[in-house]
Protein backbone atom coordinates (compact mmCIF):
# COMPACT_ATOMS: atom_id res chain seq x y z
CA MET A 1 -0.23 -0.19 -0.07
CA LYS A 2 2.83 2.33 0.80
CA ALA A 3 4.22 1.81 -2.42
CA ILE A 4 0.79 3.11 -4.82
CA PHE A 5 0.45 5.89 -1.95
CA CYS A 6 3.44 7.22 -3.46
CA ALA A 7 3.14 6.57 -6.91
CA ALA A 8 -0.43 8.16 -6.70
CA LEU A 9 1.63 11.48 -4.96
CA VAL A 10 3.32 12.07 -8.24
CA LEU A 11 -0.02 11.37 -10.52
CA PHE A 12 -2.32 13.57 -8.43
CA SER A 13 -2.05 17.52 -7.40
CA LEU A 14 -3.78 20.33 -6.53
CA SER A 15 -4.10 23.33 -8.80
CA GLU A 16 -5.13 26.87 -8.21
CA ALA A 17 -4.91 27.85 -10.97
CA ALA A 18 -8.28 30.26 -12.71
CA SER A 19 -10.97 28.70 -14.75
CA SER A 20 -12.27 30.29 -17.65
CA ALA A 21 -15.66 28.31 -16.60
CA ALA A 22 -18.58 30.78 -15.85
CA LEU A 23 -20.72 31.11 -12.62
CA LEU A 24 -24.02 32.32 -13.64
CA PRO A 25 -26.44 33.83 -11.07
CA LEU A 26 -30.22 32.55 -11.64
CA VAL A 27 -31.90 35.87 -12.94
CA ASN A 28 -34.94 34.92 -11.21
CA GLN A 29 -33.97 33.66 -7.53
CA PRO A 30 -36.32 30.95 -6.22
CA PRO A 31 -38.96 32.78 -3.85
CA ASP A 32 -38.13 30.48 -0.92
CA GLY A 33 -34.83 29.13 -1.54
CA ALA A 34 -33.74 25.97 -2.68
CA GLY A 35 -32.38 23.16 -0.81
CA ILE A 36 -32.00 19.93 -2.62
CA ALA A 37 -33.40 19.51 -6.34
CA PHE A 38 -34.24 17.10 -8.84
CA LEU A 39 -34.36 17.36 -12.84
CA LEU A 40 -38.24 16.43 -13.73
CA THR A 41 -38.26 14.29 -17.44
CA ASP A 42 -40.23 17.08 -18.80
CA GLY A 43 -36.58 19.29 -18.60
CA THR A 44 -38.23 21.39 -15.27
CA VAL A 45 -36.28 21.56 -11.95
CA LEU A 46 -38.30 20.57 -8.64
CA ALA A 47 -36.57 22.14 -5.62
CA GLN A 48 -37.58 22.20 -2.07
CA GLY A 49 -38.07 25.49 -0.23
CA ASN A 50 -36.54 26.11 3.03
CA ALA A 51 -39.72 25.77 4.33
CA GLU A 52 -38.93 22.28 3.94
CA SER A 53 -42.63 21.29 3.20
CA ASP A 54 -42.97 23.82 0.32
CA TRP A 55 -41.33 22.48 -3.45
CA TRP A 56 -40.88 25.16 -6.49
CA LYS A 57 -40.67 24.17 -9.97
CA LEU A 58 -37.74 25.91 -12.19
CA THR A 59 -38.88 25.93 -16.34
CA PRO A 60 -35.99 27.09 -18.44
CA ASP A 61 -37.36 29.86 -21.20
CA ASN A 62 -37.95 29.54 -24.69
CA THR A 63 -34.68 29.28 -25.50
CA GLY A 64 -33.61 26.29 -22.84
CA SER A 65 -32.24 29.11 -20.92
CA TYR A 66 -32.26 27.92 -16.77
CA VAL A 67 -30.67 31.12 -15.80
CA ALA A 68 -33.82 33.04 -17.48
CA GLY A 69 -35.97 30.63 -16.62
CA THR A 70 -38.78 31.11 -14.26
CA TRP A 71 -40.31 29.32 -10.86
CA SER A 72 -44.08 28.80 -9.64
CA GLN A 73 -44.82 26.64 -6.66
CA MET A 74 -45.83 22.96 -6.73
CA ALA A 75 -48.05 21.22 -4.34
CA ASN A 76 -46.37 20.43 -0.54
CA LEU A 77 -45.75 17.62 1.08
CA PRO A 78 -48.59 15.67 3.15
CA ALA A 79 -49.47 17.07 6.60
CA GLY A 80 -46.75 16.29 9.42
CA TYR A 81 -43.74 15.61 6.77
CA VAL A 82 -41.48 18.75 6.74
CA PRO A 83 -38.57 16.58 6.38
CA ASP A 84 -34.32 17.28 5.96
CA ALA A 85 -31.99 15.19 5.08
CA PHE A 86 -33.36 12.52 3.17
CA ALA A 87 -33.09 9.28 0.55
CA SER A 88 -34.47 10.33 -3.18
CA ALA A 89 -34.73 9.57 -6.77
CA VAL A 90 -36.35 10.37 -9.65
CA LEU A 91 -38.25 6.83 -11.06
CA ALA A 92 -38.18 5.21 -14.32
CA ASP A 93 -41.63 6.61 -14.72
CA GLY A 94 -40.79 10.34 -14.17
CA ARG A 95 -42.32 10.66 -10.15
CA VAL A 96 -39.87 11.60 -7.36
CA VAL A 97 -39.46 9.47 -4.20
CA ILE A 98 -38.08 10.61 -1.07
CA ALA A 99 -38.24 8.47 2.09
CA GLY A 100 -36.89 9.36 5.83
CA GLY A 101 -35.45 12.42 6.87
CA GLU A 102 -32.45 13.22 9.85
CA TYR A 103 -35.02 15.65 10.84
CA ASN A 104 -38.52 16.14 10.74
CA LYS A 105 -40.01 19.87 11.20
CA ASN A 106 -36.62 20.52 12.29
CA VAL A 107 -36.32 17.89 15.31
CA PHE A 108 -34.15 15.50 14.92
CA THR A 109 -36.39 12.69 14.90
CA LEU A 110 -34.84 9.81 12.06
CA THR A 111 -38.52 10.20 10.67
CA ASN A 112 -39.73 6.45 8.75
CA LEU A 113 -41.63 8.75 6.88
CA GLY A 114 -42.06 9.02 3.21
CA ALA A 115 -43.75 10.76 -0.43
CA ILE A 116 -44.07 10.27 -3.63
CA TYR A 117 -44.57 12.94 -6.19
CA ASP A 118 -46.65 12.86 -9.30
CA PRO A 119 -45.54 15.49 -12.05
CA LYS A 120 -48.37 15.22 -14.26
CA LYS A 121 -51.13 15.35 -11.26
CA ASN A 122 -48.69 17.82 -9.04
CA THR A 123 -49.73 15.57 -5.86
CA TRP A 124 -47.59 14.11 -3.11
CA THR A 125 -49.04 10.59 -1.66
CA PRO A 126 -47.55 9.20 1.70
CA LEU A 127 -45.36 6.21 1.26
CA ASN A 128 -45.18 3.82 4.05
CA PRO A 129 -41.65 2.61 5.37
CA PRO A 130 -40.02 -0.57 4.53
CA PRO A 131 -41.73 -3.28 7.02
CA GLY A 132 -40.96 -3.08 10.53
CA TRP A 133 -38.39 -0.22 10.14
CA THR A 134 -39.26 2.74 12.77
CA THR A 135 -36.28 4.71 11.32
CA ILE A 136 -34.97 5.78 8.25
CA GLY A 137 -33.58 9.22 8.79
CA ASP A 138 -30.38 10.51 6.15
CA SER A 139 -29.78 7.11 4.58
CA PRO A 140 -28.12 5.92 1.22
CA SER A 141 -30.01 5.02 -1.47
CA VAL A 142 -29.80 4.37 -5.12
CA VAL A 143 -32.12 3.23 -7.94
CA LEU A 144 -31.24 0.03 -9.89
CA PRO A 145 -31.02 -1.03 -13.26
CA ASP A 146 -34.36 -2.90 -13.15
CA GLY A 147 -35.98 0.88 -11.63
CA SER A 148 -36.46 -0.62 -8.19
CA PHE A 149 -35.22 1.72 -5.75
CA LEU A 150 -32.90 0.21 -2.98
CA ILE A 151 -31.92 2.18 1.01
CA GLY A 152 -30.13 1.17 3.31
CA GLN A 153 -31.76 2.18 6.70
CA LYS A 154 -29.28 4.21 8.75
CA LEU A 155 -28.74 2.86 12.20
CA THR A 156 -28.88 -0.89 11.14
CA GLU A 157 -26.67 -3.15 7.87
CA ALA A 158 -30.72 -3.43 6.43
CA ILE A 159 -31.59 -3.02 3.29
CA ALA A 160 -34.79 -2.83 1.27
CA ARG A 161 -36.30 -2.36 -2.02
CA LEU A 162 -39.34 -0.70 -3.50
CA ASP A 163 -40.96 -1.85 -6.39
CA PRO A 164 -42.15 1.31 -7.94
CA LYS A 165 -45.57 -0.04 -9.40
CA THR A 166 -46.87 -1.40 -6.41
CA LEU A 167 -45.00 0.79 -3.85
CA THR A 168 -44.48 -2.09 -1.52
CA TRP A 169 -41.11 -2.96 -0.12
CA THR A 170 -39.31 -6.00 0.00
CA ILE A 171 -36.64 -6.31 2.87
CA LEU A 172 -33.41 -7.82 1.18
CA GLY A 173 -30.16 -9.34 2.93
CA SER A 174 -27.00 -7.49 3.83
CA LEU A 175 -24.79 -10.65 4.48
CA HIS A 176 -20.88 -9.42 5.08
CA LYS A 177 -21.29 -5.89 5.71
CA ASN A 178 -18.77 -4.12 7.50
CA ASP A 179 -20.45 -1.50 9.40
CA PHE A 180 -23.90 0.33 9.66
CA ASN A 181 -25.15 2.53 6.92
CA ALA A 182 -25.11 5.44 8.92
CA GLU A 183 -23.31 8.70 6.33
CA GLU A 184 -22.27 6.03 3.67
CA GLY A 185 -22.83 6.81 -0.40
CA TRP A 186 -23.44 4.26 -2.78
CA THR A 187 -22.68 4.35 -6.01
CA LEU A 188 -24.22 2.40 -8.78
CA MET A 189 -21.54 0.33 -11.20
CA PRO A 190 -21.93 -0.19 -14.87
CA ASN A 191 -22.25 -3.99 -13.55
CA GLY A 192 -25.14 -3.34 -11.26
CA LEU A 193 -22.95 -3.50 -8.45
CA VAL A 194 -23.42 -0.90 -5.65
CA LEU A 195 -19.79 0.91 -4.11
CA THR A 196 -19.56 2.15 -0.95
CA ALA A 197 -16.20 3.61 0.69
CA ASP A 198 -16.93 2.97 4.35
CA VAL A 199 -17.64 5.40 7.23
CA LYS A 200 -17.58 3.66 10.29
CA ASP A 201 -15.22 1.38 9.01
CA ALA A 202 -13.17 3.64 7.55
CA PRO A 203 -10.67 3.01 5.01
CA GLY A 204 -12.64 -0.22 3.98
CA SER A 205 -14.97 -0.12 0.87
CA GLN A 206 -17.10 -2.66 0.07
CA LEU A 207 -19.35 -4.02 -3.37
CA TYR A 208 -23.66 -5.05 -2.74
CA ASN A 209 -24.74 -7.40 -5.38
CA PRO A 210 -28.87 -6.79 -5.54
CA LYS A 211 -28.82 -10.19 -6.89
CA SER A 212 -27.09 -12.69 -4.45
CA GLN A 213 -27.86 -10.09 -1.66
CA LEU A 214 -24.16 -10.11 -0.49
CA TRP A 215 -21.52 -7.74 0.56
CA GLY A 216 -17.88 -7.96 -0.82
CA ASN A 217 -14.95 -6.44 0.04
CA ALA A 218 -14.00 -3.35 -2.28
CA GLY A 219 -10.55 -2.55 -0.83
CA SER A 220 -8.82 -0.31 1.30
CA THR A 221 -8.97 3.81 0.30
CA ILE A 222 -5.69 4.02 1.62
CA VAL A 223 -6.35 6.80 3.12
CA ASP A 224 -8.93 7.97 5.82
CA LEU A 225 -11.77 9.47 3.87
CA HIS A 226 -14.17 10.10 6.73
CA SER A 227 -14.09 12.95 9.04
CA PRO A 228 -14.93 12.10 12.93
CA THR A 229 -17.97 13.48 14.58
CA ASP A 230 -17.79 16.11 16.91
CA VAL A 231 -20.92 15.02 19.02
CA THR A 232 -19.79 14.36 22.26
CA GLY A 233 -21.68 11.23 23.59
CA CYS A 234 -24.40 10.46 21.32
CA LEU A 235 -27.81 12.13 19.74
CA SER A 236 -31.04 10.92 20.69
CA TYR A 237 -33.91 11.00 18.59
CA PRO A 238 -37.75 9.20 19.71
CA GLY A 239 -36.97 5.44 20.66
CA GLY A 240 -32.91 5.63 20.81
CA CYS A 241 -29.58 7.13 20.84
CA TYR A 242 -27.24 7.80 17.47
CA PHE A 243 -23.79 7.65 18.24
CA PRO A 244 -22.29 9.48 14.69
CA PRO A 245 -19.53 8.03 13.04
CA GLY A 246 -18.06 11.00 10.94
CA GLU A 247 -18.69 12.27 7.68
CA ILE A 248 -17.63 11.33 4.05
CA GLY A 249 -17.83 13.68 0.64
CA PRO A 250 -19.44 12.44 -2.61
CA GLN A 251 -18.70 9.87 -4.89
CA ILE A 252 -18.97 9.81 -8.43
CA LEU A 253 -18.69 7.23 -11.27
CA ARG A 254 -16.51 8.58 -13.88
CA PRO A 255 -16.90 8.15 -18.17
CA ASP A 256 -13.53 6.11 -17.83
CA GLY A 257 -15.17 3.75 -14.99
CA THR A 258 -13.16 5.09 -12.14
CA VAL A 259 -14.83 6.40 -9.21
CA PHE A 260 -13.71 9.76 -7.64
CA VAL A 261 -14.35 9.80 -3.77
CA THR A 262 -13.71 12.64 -2.02
CA GLY A 263 -13.41 13.12 2.12
CA GLY A 264 -13.92 14.89 5.28
CA THR A 265 -11.19 16.26 6.95
CA PRO A 266 -9.57 13.00 9.04
CA LYS A 267 -8.65 12.86 12.61
CA GLY A 268 -5.23 15.40 13.03
CA GLY A 269 -5.62 16.17 9.30
CA THR A 270 -5.65 19.53 7.85
CA SER A 271 -7.65 19.17 4.92
CA GLY A 272 -9.90 16.43 3.28
CA HIS A 273 -8.40 13.60 1.32
CA THR A 274 -9.66 11.99 -2.30
CA ALA A 275 -9.40 8.52 -3.55
CA VAL A 276 -10.00 6.55 -6.95
CA TYR A 277 -11.14 3.11 -7.20
CA HIS A 278 -10.44 1.30 -9.78
CA PRO A 279 -12.87 -1.65 -10.74
CA THR A 280 -10.71 -3.40 -13.37
CA THR A 281 -8.13 -4.08 -10.78
CA HIS A 282 -10.09 -3.75 -7.56
CA SER A 283 -7.79 -1.33 -6.35
CA TRP A 284 -7.33 2.55 -5.17
CA THR A 285 -4.79 4.87 -5.35
CA VAL A 286 -4.70 8.26 -4.11
CA GLY A 287 -6.26 11.64 -5.12
CA PRO A 288 -5.04 15.15 -4.43
CA ASP A 289 -5.95 16.76 -1.32
CA PHE A 290 -8.12 19.93 -0.74
CA PRO A 291 -6.53 22.95 0.25
CA PRO A 292 -5.57 23.48 3.73
CA GLY A 293 -8.80 23.98 5.77
CA ASP A 294 -11.02 22.54 3.12
CA ASP A 295 -12.91 19.53 2.67
CA ALA A 296 -15.92 17.67 1.10
CA GLY A 297 -17.14 16.07 3.93
CA ASP A 298 -20.76 16.57 3.73
CA THR A 299 -21.25 18.27 0.42
CA GLY A 300 -22.37 17.34 -3.08
CA ALA A 301 -20.69 16.44 -6.56
CA VAL A 302 -21.73 16.27 -10.06
CA LEU A 303 -19.90 14.59 -13.30
CA LEU A 304 -20.20 17.47 -15.95
CA PRO A 305 -20.02 16.50 -19.77
CA ASN A 306 -16.54 16.97 -20.15
CA GLY A 307 -15.70 14.56 -17.90
CA HIS A 308 -14.45 16.05 -14.76
CA VAL A 309 -15.88 15.80 -11.31
CA LEU A 310 -17.36 19.05 -9.89
CA ALA A 311 -16.88 18.78 -6.25
CA GLY A 312 -18.33 21.35 -3.60
CA GLY A 313 -16.33 21.92 -0.41
CA GLU A 314 -17.42 22.85 3.14
CA SER A 315 -16.12 25.95 2.60
CA GLY A 316 -18.82 27.02 -0.95
CA ASN A 317 -15.47 26.82 -2.95
CA LEU A 318 -16.09 24.63 -5.93
CA TYR A 319 -13.35 22.08 -7.36
CA GLU A 320 -12.98 20.35 -10.63
CA PHE A 321 -11.29 16.87 -10.85
CA ASP A 322 -9.88 15.92 -14.43
CA GLY A 323 -8.24 12.76 -13.38
CA THR A 324 -5.30 14.08 -12.18
CA THR A 325 -5.78 17.67 -10.63
CA LEU A 326 -7.85 18.98 -8.48
CA THR A 327 -8.29 22.57 -9.57
CA ARG A 328 -10.24 25.25 -7.55
CA THR A 329 -12.46 27.39 -9.90
CA ALA A 330 -15.05 29.17 -8.15
CA ILE A 331 -14.44 31.04 -3.96
CA GLY A 332 -17.41 31.02 -1.74
CA ALA A 333 -20.33 29.80 -4.80
CA GLY A 334 -22.12 26.92 -2.69
CA GLY A 335 -22.56 23.24 -3.90
CA PRO A 336 -23.10 21.78 -7.21
CA VAL A 337 -26.42 19.63 -6.68
CA LEU A 338 -27.87 18.73 -10.13
CA MET A 339 -26.82 18.54 -13.84
CA LEU A 340 -29.16 20.30 -16.36
CA PRO A 341 -29.53 19.36 -19.75
CA ASN A 342 -27.69 22.16 -21.69
CA GLY A 343 -24.73 21.05 -20.00
CA GLU A 344 -25.04 23.14 -17.00
CA ALA A 345 -24.65 22.32 -13.38
CA LEU A 346 -27.23 23.64 -10.72
CA VAL A 347 -24.83 25.32 -7.47
CA GLU A 348 -27.14 26.44 -4.38
CA GLY A 349 -25.87 28.87 -1.98
CA ASN A 350 -26.98 32.13 -1.02
CA THR A 351 -27.49 32.80 -4.60
CA VAL A 352 -28.53 30.14 -7.26
CA ALA A 353 -26.79 29.94 -9.76
CA ALA A 354 -25.80 27.57 -13.05
CA TYR A 355 -21.87 26.87 -13.85
CA ARG A 356 -20.97 26.52 -16.92
CA PRO A 357 -17.98 24.29 -17.67
CA THR A 358 -15.46 24.15 -20.33
CA GLY A 359 -14.66 21.43 -22.65
CA ALA A 360 -17.14 19.08 -24.50
CA ALA A 361 -17.97 15.88 -24.41
CA GLN A 362 -16.11 12.62 -26.14
CA ALA A 363 -18.24 11.16 -28.62
CA ASP A 364 -18.76 7.95 -27.53
CA TRP A 365 -20.32 9.25 -24.53
CA ALA A 366 -23.32 10.69 -26.10
CA PRO A 367 -26.32 9.19 -26.56
CA VAL A 368 -27.12 7.43 -29.92
CA ILE A 369 -30.84 7.80 -31.31
CA GLY A 370 -31.57 4.64 -33.53
CA THR A 371 -35.06 4.42 -33.93
CA VAL A 372 -38.02 7.55 -33.34
CA PRO A 373 -41.10 8.60 -35.53
CA THR A 374 -40.12 11.51 -37.65
CA VAL A 375 -43.79 12.88 -37.69
CA LEU A 376 -44.86 13.67 -34.31
CA THR A 377 -48.63 15.16 -32.78
CA HIS A 378 -49.48 17.07 -30.15
CA GLY A 379 -50.59 15.04 -26.97
CA MET A 380 -49.09 11.45 -28.64
CA THR A 381 -47.05 9.46 -26.65
CA TYR A 382 -44.40 7.40 -28.65
CA THR A 383 -41.28 5.13 -28.62
CA ILE A 384 -37.79 6.26 -29.26
CA THR A 385 -34.81 3.53 -29.20
CA GLY A 386 -31.09 3.87 -29.27
CA ASN A 387 -28.00 3.66 -27.11
CA ARG A 388 -26.07 4.92 -24.07
CA PHE A 389 -29.78 6.53 -23.32
CA ASN A 390 -29.07 6.46 -19.65
CA GLY A 391 -25.17 8.31 -19.56
CA MET A 392 -22.24 6.92 -18.19
CA SER A 393 -22.80 7.44 -14.81
CA GLN A 394 -25.63 8.88 -12.00
CA ALA A 395 -23.69 12.23 -12.39
CA ALA A 396 -24.34 13.58 -9.01
CA ALA A 397 -23.97 12.47 -5.08
CA TYR A 398 -24.04 13.69 -1.74
CA GLY A 399 -21.79 12.67 1.19
CA ASP A 400 -24.72 10.38 2.13
CA GLU A 401 -28.64 11.51 1.80
CA PHE A 402 -29.88 13.94 -0.94
CA GLU A 403 -29.75 11.69 -4.25
CA THR A 404 -30.24 13.49 -7.10
CA ALA A 405 -28.89 11.22 -10.03
CA THR A 406 -29.78 11.90 -13.63
CA ASN A 407 -29.07 8.85 -15.51
CA TYR A 408 -32.44 8.99 -17.27
CA PRO A 409 -33.06 10.10 -21.13
CA LEU A 410 -34.60 13.13 -21.90
CA VAL A 411 -36.11 14.42 -25.04
CA ARG A 412 -35.68 17.84 -26.42
CA ILE A 413 -36.81 19.18 -29.73
CA ILE A 414 -35.57 22.53 -31.36
CA ASN A 415 -38.06 24.29 -33.65
CA ALA A 416 -36.68 24.98 -36.84
CA ALA A 417 -38.28 28.56 -37.54
CA THR A 418 -38.11 30.02 -34.14
CA ARG A 419 -35.13 27.91 -32.73
CA HIS A 420 -37.07 27.61 -29.53
CA VAL A 421 -36.68 24.72 -27.27
CA PHE A 422 -39.33 22.12 -26.00
CA TYR A 423 -38.84 19.12 -23.94
CA ALA A 424 -41.21 15.88 -24.17
CA ARG A 425 -41.95 14.53 -20.76
CA THR A 426 -40.11 10.57 -21.12
CA HIS A 427 -40.99 7.60 -18.90
CA ASP A 428 -40.91 4.13 -18.72
CA HIS A 429 -37.44 4.17 -19.63
CA SER A 430 -36.25 0.45 -20.26
CA THR A 431 -33.54 0.35 -17.70
CA MET A 432 -31.68 2.70 -15.29
CA GLY A 433 -28.24 1.24 -15.44
CA VAL A 434 -25.52 3.61 -16.31
CA ALA A 435 -22.88 2.89 -18.99
CA THR A 436 -25.01 0.79 -21.03
CA GLY A 437 -22.84 0.62 -24.49
CA ASP A 438 -23.98 -0.65 -27.39
CA ALA A 439 -27.05 -2.06 -25.86
CA VAL A 440 -30.21 -1.14 -27.47
CA VAL A 441 -32.33 0.33 -24.88
CA SER A 442 -35.44 2.78 -25.15
CA THR A 443 -37.83 5.17 -23.67
CA GLN A 444 -41.37 6.41 -24.22
CA PHE A 445 -42.06 10.25 -24.45
CA ASP A 446 -45.43 12.48 -24.35
CA MET A 447 -45.67 15.30 -27.05
CA PRO A 448 -46.19 18.36 -25.07
CA GLN A 449 -49.84 20.15 -26.02
CA GLY A 450 -48.08 23.98 -26.69
CA ILE A 451 -45.22 22.69 -28.62
CA GLU A 452 -44.55 24.51 -31.98
CA THR A 453 -45.50 23.04 -34.86
CA GLY A 454 -43.34 22.77 -38.01
CA LEU A 455 -39.33 21.46 -39.06
CA SER A 456 -37.45 20.77 -36.10
CA THR A 457 -34.59 18.75 -34.24
CA LEU A 458 -35.25 16.53 -31.93
CA GLN A 459 -32.34 15.26 -29.54
CA LEU A 460 -31.69 12.77 -26.61
CA VAL A 461 -30.03 13.92 -23.53
CA ALA A 462 -28.42 12.36 -20.95
CA ASN A 463 -26.48 13.64 -17.84
CA GLY A 464 -26.20 17.14 -19.74
CA ILE A 465 -24.94 15.39 -23.18
CA SER A 466 -26.96 15.43 -26.44
CA SER A 467 -27.13 13.04 -29.03
CA ARG A 468 -26.98 14.39 -32.78
CA GLY A 469 -30.23 15.71 -33.80
CA VAL A 470 -32.79 14.03 -35.88
CA ARG A 471 -35.57 16.07 -38.01
CA VAL A 472 -38.62 15.46 -37.61
CA ILE A 473 -41.86 17.50 -38.21
CA VAL A 474 -44.37 18.32 -35.85
CA ASN A 475 -47.94 19.08 -36.75
């Protein structure tokens, strides 16, 4: 391990060089601020307001700009459910699921409440917890390739899977887990396994196989990626006492198949470490450290179209990791939470902004359209097939909760005469995997009623990367 560590110090570095990336504040700021945000499959953004029971939708303008977009209020959560820090996902049918919450009504409760948002009806419906689970809290979660929602109970090693069609839970096996699920993040790999860097058992890491329902060893991260807790004793919640294991940063799968994991400042350290997981060799190398005084102990990160990871420091500074160097690109901007379909990243801080990176995606990362009808009618539903509709990664992660993955296809239609941009709501994706390669995949899309008619260009977008356009007629 010592030899690997020394080699990694040569390969990785921290850069202080200025970046030409742009940070563009939204013209219209959210009326009640914005916490977690989800990219809905019609191209709009659903964000939780600071009151935590209220939700707001950001709609891009007719040029596709989110910077010039407008906000409208959506339905509130069911009465009694006012959560902060929960497990979450956009499902393959386009609905949004949230489960648990570290806090409910601003009280530390590790609530087991949950809800499902239907964007077509603009309604939240209560969601029952997994059988026997009295707590969920801020738990790790992930959507599996088959579309089911996987969640780990914070205070135990238990795992449950939600069937989105029936909204029923199944308790899965979790044999050989090194520690409880608290504060961990889960990353979906191309082979369908789930990677986690341990927090309580740092610097260990493990892979979960949802089919065998077994955890396996993924090796040592070499450096300690978790920051120790500053809580003395325990945190009391209704029914028990929680001893926090500390915090860890987000972990992001990159297009080359490696996973970049950021950390908090370990005991006795001066800044946060990072590490890179190499799945082909089941080994880790040490990445660049954050500058002194900064880390990513409980922050967000997204995968940019250029293949870099945009990570937020606890300081509010933004950093890009290009596979070798960690470059500070903005100071005090906030934290990245979401990749937008136009290739910008939504950054939330005192001012909500869009981060516009430099560079372009490689051609072999882009979705490819195979078949799609070339004559499209208002209000009708169509099927589109092709390759790489789900991107190369989930493209978003947090230290544990606040999962906002965008590995699902969007359909964008640009009118040839006006250049106005429209999104057709997608749903029922054939897979929710990542890096699906040459496998033929599909999704359905609903033509919006208000779309302009005439000659247009249709594109398939995943994680901010668009396919080549197909000429269509809208009538």
